[in-house]
Amino acid sequence: MRNKLILTFGMLLGVIFLGTAQQTLSQKEALVVKETVIQKSNTTETIVSSFKQYKHLDFLSKDIISDGKLIFKAPNTIKWEYKTPFKYSVIFKNDQLLINDNGDKSQIDLSSNKSFKQLNSLIIKSVKGDMFDESQFKISYFKKSNYIVKFDPIHKDLKSFINSFEITFDKITFDVLSVKMVESSEDYTLIKFIEQKLNSPVSDAIFNH
């Protein structure tokens, strides 16, 4: 069960590479980025976006590429719907992980597992961009063509799952362009968000299992 959950969470999170041309933000610049992102996150009620995911595993010669759609509704409901190369969806709703594997449905209770409940919260926060909890992360700020914020977990239990997060924000709109999770094994997943729509109407029926 633990391996199945780790694989599921690994599929849900993504990467943007930090190139040599990036620059570290000054303390003043970092504060502006943090405050702007938090303000935008607080006013985001829904997100609807297509995405392209690249899953990198060291033992494979090519990344596994998937396409799908993300739907988020505040405060904490989110659906990842994979369309190619296979049909697969996962829904986080009321501390439950609802899985639909091409019609084969299952449900996992996350409330009794502190680590996976924390990961569920981080998935939602990463999509909104608001992970600025300095009690959980060492946070570093960079700029390249856009802003890049790196989150290194402080606590050992979380670090056993995740080596680091990196979130890339549009330099003008502060939309989340991509999210990176590097696993403890150094494998990673890349999700790039495409054609995002914020605060458009989203029916609760979309999250029915």
Foldseek 3Di string as FASTA:
>chain_A
DVVVLLVVLQQLAADDDDDPQKDFDDPVVVVVLQVVLVVQLVPFFKKKWKKWKWWFDPVDPGTDIWIWIWIDGPPQWIKTFTDPPATKMWICDPQKIWIQRPNDIDIDRRPVPPQVVVSSVVSRCLQSVNPPDPVFFDWTWIDDQFIKIKTAGDDPSNLQFFRIKIWTAHRPPRHTQWMWTQGNVRTIMIMGTDDMDTPDDDDPVVRDD
